[in-house]
C-alpha atoms as a PDB file:
ATOM      1  CA  MET A   1     111.705 110.549 104.090  1.00  0.00           C
ATOM      2  CA  GLU A   2     113.205 113.089 106.437  1.00  0.00           C
ATOM      3  CA  VAL A   3     117.029 112.975 106.639  1.00  0.00           C
ATOM      4  CA  PHE A   4     118.610 112.345 110.037  1.00  0.00           C
ATOM      5  CA  GLN A   5     122.118 111.900 111.414  1.00  0.00           C
ATOM      6  CA  GLN A   6     122.840 110.112 114.660  1.00  0.00           C
ATOM      7  CA  LYS A   7     126.087 109.855 116.611  1.00  0.00           C
ATOM      8  CA  GLY A   8     128.543 107.154 115.635  1.00  0.00           C
ATOM      9  CA  SER A   9     129.127 103.976 117.634  1.00  0.00           C
ATOM     10  CA  ARG A  10     132.307 103.924 119.701  1.00  0.00           C
ATOM     11  CA  ILE A  11     134.481 100.848 119.349  1.00  0.00           C
ATOM     12  CA  SER A  12     136.066  99.527 122.535  1.00  0.00           C
ATOM     13  CA  ILE A  13     139.849  99.366 122.337  1.00  0.00           C
ATOM     14  CA  HIS A  14     140.035  95.560 122.479  1.00  0.00           C
ATOM     15  CA  LEU A  15     137.770  95.264 119.380  1.00  0.00           C
ATOM     16  CA  GLN A  16     139.341  97.967 117.203  1.00  0.00           C
ATOM     17  CA  LYS A  17     141.714  95.737 115.189  1.00  0.00           C
ATOM     18  CA  ALA A  18     139.052  93.079 114.635  1.00  0.00           C
ATOM     19  CA  VAL A  19     136.536  95.727 113.501  1.00  0.00           C
ATOM     20  CA  GLU A  20     139.106  97.275 111.150  1.00  0.00           C
ATOM     21  CA  ALA A  21     139.809  93.841 109.631  1.00  0.00           C
ATOM     22  CA  GLU A  22     136.083  93.067 109.243  1.00  0.00           C
ATOM     23  CA  LEU A  23     135.400  96.459 107.615  1.00  0.00           C
ATOM     24  CA  GLU A  24     138.266  95.851 105.199  1.00  0.00           C
ATOM     25  CA  ARG A  25     136.931  92.364 104.349  1.00  0.00           C
ATOM     26  CA  LEU A  26     133.399  93.690 103.776  1.00  0.00           C
ATOM     27  CA  GLN A  27     134.722  96.453 101.568  1.00  0.00           C
ATOM     28  CA  LYS A  28     136.755  93.995  99.449  1.00  0.00           C
ATOM     29  CA  GLU A  29     133.660  91.806  99.006  1.00  0.00           C
ATOM     30  CA  GLY A  30     131.606  94.836  97.945  1.00  0.00           C
ATOM     31  CA  HIS A  31     129.172  94.812 100.870  1.00  0.00           C
ATOM     32  CA  HIS A  32     129.841  98.440 101.756  1.00  0.00           C
ATOM     33  CA  GLU A  33     131.992 101.398 100.839  1.00  0.00           C
ATOM     34  CA  LYS A  34     133.655 104.037 102.996  1.00  0.00           C
ATOM     35  CA  LEU A  35     132.302 107.535 102.399  1.00  0.00           C
ATOM     36  CA  GLU A  36     134.803 110.376 102.331  1.00  0.00           C
ATOM     37  CA  GLU A  37     132.097 112.927 103.105  1.00  0.00           C
ATOM     38  CA  ILE A  38     128.397 112.940 103.914  1.00  0.00           C
ATOM     39  CA  GLY A  39     126.333 114.288 101.034  1.00  0.00           C
ATOM     40  CA  GLU A  40     122.731 115.420 100.857  1.00  0.00           C
ATOM     41  CA  ASN A  41     119.841 113.115 101.723  1.00  0.00           C
ATOM     42  CA  ILE A  42     122.027 110.657 103.639  1.00  0.00           C
ATOM     43  CA  CYS A  43     120.798 109.188 106.904  1.00  0.00           C
ATOM     44  CA  VAL A  44     123.539 108.241 109.367  1.00  0.00           C
ATOM     45  CA  ASN A  45     122.778 105.422 111.810  1.00  0.00           C
ATOM     46  CA  PRO A  46     124.800 103.988 114.683  1.00  0.00           C
ATOM     47  CA  ALA A  47     126.455 100.613 114.131  1.00  0.00           C
ATOM     48  CA  VAL A  48     125.933  97.498 116.223  1.00  0.00           C
ATOM     49  CA  ILE A  49     129.190  95.636 116.707  1.00  0.00           C
ATOM     50  CA  ALA A  50     129.105  92.176 118.261  1.00  0.00           C
ATOM     51  CA  ARG A  51     131.479  89.270 118.643  1.00  0.00           C
ATOM     52  CA  LYS A  52     129.999  86.009 117.344  1.00  0.00           C
ATOM     53  CA  CYS A  53     130.455  82.563 118.925  1.00  0.00           C
ATOM     54  CA  ASP A  54     133.317  81.773 116.523  1.00  0.00           C
ATOM     55  CA  LYS A  55     135.071  84.988 117.730  1.00  0.00           C
ATOM     56  CA  SER A  56     134.483  86.792 114.424  1.00  0.00           C
ATOM     57  CA  ILE A  57     132.950  90.282 114.348  1.00  0.00           C
ATOM     58  CA  LYS A  58     129.447  91.143 113.108  1.00  0.00           C
ATOM     59  CA  ILE A  59     128.839  94.747 112.042  1.00  0.00           C
ATOM     60  CA  ALA A  60     125.233  95.726 111.513  1.00  0.00           C
ATOM     61  CA  LEU A  61     123.185  98.865 111.137  1.00  0.00           C
ATOM     62  CA  ASP A  62     121.129  99.940 114.184  1.00  0.00           C
ATOM     63  CA  ALA A  63     117.945 100.709 112.286  1.00  0.00           C
ATOM     64  CA  LYS A  64     115.639 101.739 115.161  1.00  0.00           C
ATOM     65  CA  GLU A  65     115.324 105.336 113.996  1.00  0.00           C
ATOM     66  CA  LEU A  66     115.197 104.347 110.332  1.00  0.00           C
ATOM     67  CA  ASN A  67     112.457 101.753 110.964  1.00  0.00           C
ATOM     68  CA  LYS A  68     110.291 104.383 112.679  1.00  0.00           C
ATOM     69  CA  ARG A  69     110.304 106.433 109.464  1.00  0.00           C
ATOM     70  CA  ILE A  70     109.708 103.668 106.898  1.00  0.00           C
ATOM     71  CA  ILE A  71     106.215 103.155 105.517  1.00  0.00           C
ATOM     72  CA  ARG A  72     105.986  99.500 104.525  1.00  0.00           C
ATOM     73  CA  LYS A  73     103.734  98.009 101.909  1.00  0.00           C
ATOM     74  CA  ARG A  74     102.600  94.693 103.381  1.00  0.00           C
ATOM     75  CA  MET A  75     102.190  91.663 101.155  1.00  0.00           C
ATOM     76  CA  GLN A  76     101.247  88.122 101.963  1.00  0.00           C
ATOM     77  CA  MET A  77     103.948  85.541 101.421  1.00  0.00           C
ATOM     78  CA  PRO A  78     102.960  83.079  98.669  1.00  0.00           C
ATOM     79  CA  ASN A  79     102.386  79.582 100.013  1.00  0.00           C
ATOM     80  CA  LEU A  80     104.237  76.512  98.784  1.00  0.00           C
ATOM     81  CA  ASP A  81     101.313  75.160  96.727  1.00  0.00           C
ATOM     82  CA  GLU A  82     100.952  78.455  94.877  1.00  0.00           C
ATOM     83  CA  LEU A  83     104.700  78.536  94.135  1.00  0.00           C
ATOM     84  CA  LYS A  84     104.678  74.925  92.878  1.00  0.00           C
ATOM     85  CA  ASP A  85     101.754  75.721  90.572  1.00  0.00           C
ATOM     86  CA  ARG A  86     103.522  78.770  89.176  1.00  0.00           C
ATOM     87  CA  ILE A  87     106.743  76.801  88.624  1.00  0.00           C
ATOM     88  CA  SER A  88     104.892  74.039  86.758  1.00  0.00           C
ATOM     89  CA  ILE A  89     103.198  76.630  84.534  1.00  0.00           C
ATOM     90  CA  GLU A  90     106.623  78.159  83.795  1.00  0.00           C
ATOM     91  CA  ILE A  91     108.106  74.746  82.947  1.00  0.00           C
ATOM     92  CA  THR A  92     105.254  73.713  80.653  1.00  0.00           C
ATOM     93  CA  ARG A  93     105.006  77.084  78.892  1.00  0.00           C
ATOM     94  CA  ASP A  94     108.178  76.575  76.858  1.00  0.00           C
ATOM     95  CA  PRO A  95     110.015  73.259  77.352  1.00  0.00           C
ATOM     96  CA  ASN A  96     113.060  74.530  75.413  1.00  0.00           C
ATOM     97  CA  SER A  97     113.662  77.619  77.532  1.00  0.00           C
ATOM     98  CA  ASP A  98     116.355  77.808  80.179  1.00  0.00           C
ATOM     99  CA  LEU A  99     114.996  77.270  83.666  1.00  0.00           C
ATOM    100  CA  TRP A 100     116.813  77.530  86.947  1.00  0.00           C
ATOM    101  CA  ILE A 101     115.334  76.038  90.091  1.00  0.00           C
ATOM    102  CA  THR A 102     116.936  76.802  93.429  1.00  0.00           C
ATOM    103  CA  THR A 103     116.047  76.610  97.104  1.00  0.00           C
ATOM    104  CA  ILE A 104     115.739  79.360  99.642  1.00  0.00           C
ATOM    105  CA  ASP A 105     116.586  78.387 103.180  1.00  0.00           C
ATOM    106  CA  PRO A 106     115.588  81.120 105.675  1.00  0.00           C
ATOM    107  CA  LYS A 107     117.932  79.612 108.271  1.00  0.00           C
ATOM    108  CA  TYR A 108     120.907  80.682 106.183  1.00  0.00           C
ATOM    109  CA  SER A 109     119.327  83.781 104.679  1.00  0.00           C
ATOM    110  CA  PHE A 110     119.379  84.148 100.904  1.00  0.00           C
ATOM    111  CA  GLY A 111     122.663  85.760 100.129  1.00  0.00           C
ATOM    112  CA  GLN A 112     123.281  89.405  99.598  1.00  0.00           C
ATOM    113  CA  VAL A 113     120.599  91.567  98.022  1.00  0.00           C
ATOM    114  CA  LYS A 114     121.909  94.651  96.189  1.00  0.00           C
ATOM    115  CA  LEU A 115     120.441  97.908  97.517  1.00  0.00           C
ATOM    116  CA  ALA A 116     119.124 100.603  95.201  1.00  0.00           C
ATOM    117  CA  LYS A 117     121.187 103.818  95.379  1.00  0.00           C
ATOM    118  CA  ASN A 118     118.327 105.687  97.051  1.00  0.00           C
ATOM    119  CA  THR A 119     117.983 102.946  99.689  1.00  0.00           C
ATOM    120  CA  ALA A 120     121.738 102.760 100.270  1.00  0.00           C
ATOM    121  CA  LYS A 121     121.714 106.469 101.243  1.00  0.00           C
ATOM    122  CA  ARG A 122     119.668 105.470 104.286  1.00  0.00           C
ATOM    123  CA  CYS A 123     121.993 102.610 105.205  1.00  0.00           C
ATOM    124  CA  VAL A 124     125.051 104.526 106.384  1.00  0.00           C
ATOM    125  CA  ILE A 125     126.722 103.693 109.696  1.00  0.00           C
ATOM    126  CA  ALA A 126     129.099 105.894 111.658  1.00  0.00           C
ATOM    127  CA  ILE A 127     131.959 104.303 113.605  1.00  0.00           C
ATOM    128  CA  VAL A 128     134.290 106.103 116.003  1.00  0.00           C
ATOM    129  CA  GLY A 129     137.567 104.556 117.168  1.00  0.00           C
ATOM    130  CA  GLY A 130     140.996 103.844 115.737  1.00  0.00           C
ATOM    131  CA  LYS A 131     141.641 103.587 112.007  1.00  0.00           C
ATOM    132  CA  ALA A 132     138.047 102.434 111.444  1.00  0.00           C
ATOM    133  CA  THR A 133     136.642 105.887 112.290  1.00  0.00           C
ATOM    134  CA  GLY A 134     134.377 107.023 109.493  1.00  0.00           C
ATOM    135  CA  ASN A 135     131.055 106.608 107.722  1.00  0.00           C
ATOM    136  CA  TYR A 136     130.305 103.418 105.804  1.00  0.00           C
ATOM    137  CA  GLN A 137     127.472 102.967 103.321  1.00  0.00           C
ATOM    138  CA  PHE A 138     126.058  99.471 102.842  1.00  0.00           C
ATOM    139  CA  THR A 139     125.650  98.503  99.187  1.00  0.00           C
ATOM    140  CA  CYS A 140     123.827  95.229  99.890  1.00  0.00           C
ATOM    141  CA  ILE A 141     121.996  93.628 102.771  1.00  0.00           C
ATOM    142  CA  SER A 142     121.323  90.077 103.858  1.00  0.00           C
ATOM    143  CA  GLY A 143     118.646  88.291 105.810  1.00  0.00           C
ATOM    144  CA  LEU A 144     114.960  87.659 105.494  1.00  0.00           C
ATOM    145  CA  GLY A 145     114.235  89.490 108.742  1.00  0.00           C
ATOM    146  CA  ARG A 146     115.186  92.871 107.317  1.00  0.00           C
ATOM    147  CA  LEU A 147     113.552  92.211 103.987  1.00  0.00           C
ATOM    148  CA  ALA A 148     110.241  90.784 105.152  1.00  0.00           C
ATOM    149  CA  SER A 149     108.185  93.293 103.199  1.00  0.00           C
ATOM    150  CA  CYS A 150     110.334  92.994 100.034  1.00  0.00           C
ATOM    151  CA  PHE A 151     110.758  89.226  99.875  1.00  0.00           C
ATOM    152  CA  PRO A 152     107.164  88.285  98.870  1.00  0.00           C
ATOM    153  CA  ARG A 153     107.200  90.983  96.186  1.00  0.00           C
ATOM    154  CA  GLU A 154     110.488  89.626  94.787  1.00  0.00           C
ATOM    155  CA  ILE A 155     109.186  86.033  94.744  1.00  0.00           C
ATOM    156  CA  ARG A 156     105.986  87.087  92.957  1.00  0.00           C
ATOM    157  CA  SER A 157     107.887  89.225  90.440  1.00  0.00           C
ATOM    158  CA  LYS A 158     109.921  86.213  89.294  1.00  0.00           C
ATOM    159  CA  PHE A 159     106.722  84.555  88.072  1.00  0.00           C
ATOM    160  CA  ASP A 160     104.762  87.579  86.853  1.00  0.00           C
ATOM    161  CA  LYS A 161     106.016  88.715  83.487  1.00  0.00           C
END
């Protein structure tokens, strides 16, 4: 993929402290890291900064340019019957093995998915304004919407050994 660098997103003055606090929280939780310098093969994207209904701040990557350059491998999502069949095969294969069953609720996403180092190089945002000025590299990403092409592959891989 061709490397690109776009201009950073400017933070309005009334949001600067809230953005700084949110960036600090995300960094403590390991969702991103601040880059001291931009290395080779790093794509810099603008950030989207929005205030949520509960007055908290949401910082996301504006991936328009990145999405234009990604070649996706499309896969069909497994249906519920297929997943139930695969789970029952897993359970009956070895009754003494450890088995974890969980639910995935798309309404609430499915937690944070760790990004591979090569992918993380393309998930860098640039922010301009106050103490938050700098480049931030996401180390994980959340949401089914962004991972639509990866999610079916991950589900299938859990059953295919």
